[in-house]
Protein backbone atom coordinates (compact mmCIF):
# COMPACT_ATOMS: atom_id res chain seq x y z
CA UNK A 1 44.72 -216.15 -100.56
CA UNK A 2 46.48 -217.22 -97.73
CA UNK A 3 49.83 -217.91 -96.71
CA UNK A 4 51.25 -220.01 -94.31
CA UNK A 5 54.70 -219.28 -93.42
CA UNK A 6 56.63 -221.63 -90.49
CA UNK A 7 59.33 -220.42 -88.40
CA UNK A 8 61.79 -222.55 -85.86
CA UNK A 9 61.23 -220.82 -82.17
CA UNK A 10 64.88 -219.28 -82.35
CA UNK A 11 63.44 -217.19 -85.53
CA UNK A 12 60.15 -216.04 -83.76
CA UNK A 13 62.11 -215.21 -80.53
CA UNK A 14 64.30 -213.24 -82.81
CA UNK A 15 61.10 -211.49 -84.31
CA UNK A 16 59.52 -211.28 -81.25
CA UNK A 17 63.07 -208.99 -80.28
CA UNK A 18 62.51 -207.08 -83.42
CA UNK A 19 58.87 -206.26 -83.17
CA UNK A 20 59.74 -204.87 -79.45
CA UNK A 21 63.01 -202.88 -81.12
CA UNK A 22 60.31 -200.95 -83.70
CA UNK A 23 57.85 -200.70 -80.50
CA UNK A 24 60.15 -199.12 -78.35
CA UNK A 25 60.78 -201.23 -75.72
CA UNK A 26 64.04 -202.69 -75.94
CA UNK A 27 67.19 -200.68 -77.82
CA UNK A 28 69.06 -203.18 -80.20
CA UNK A 29 72.68 -203.49 -77.75
CA UNK A 30 69.62 -205.26 -75.02
CA UNK A 31 68.24 -207.42 -78.27
CA UNK A 32 71.59 -208.18 -78.71
CA UNK A 33 72.31 -209.15 -75.15
CA UNK A 34 69.28 -210.90 -75.21
CA UNK A 35 70.74 -213.28 -78.35
CA UNK A 36 74.43 -213.25 -76.84
CA UNK A 37 75.47 -211.44 -79.85
CA UNK A 38 78.66 -209.34 -79.58
CA UNK A 39 80.43 -207.37 -82.19
CA UNK A 40 83.29 -208.94 -84.48
CA UNK A 41 86.25 -206.73 -85.57
CA UNK A 42 85.73 -205.39 -89.32
CA UNK A 43 87.19 -207.57 -91.16
CA UNK A 44 89.96 -206.30 -93.85
CA UNK A 45 89.52 -206.82 -97.71
CA UNK A 46 92.30 -208.13 -99.33
């Protein structure tokens, strides 16, 4: 039984970065920079 999964280019890029993190060739901080992500301040639950 086969299954076809479709992904956007953005999703494929993120998957590649995750694989590189798992392989040890990229850190989470480096991946975040490549994805242009930043830490957001914690939100207080009210």
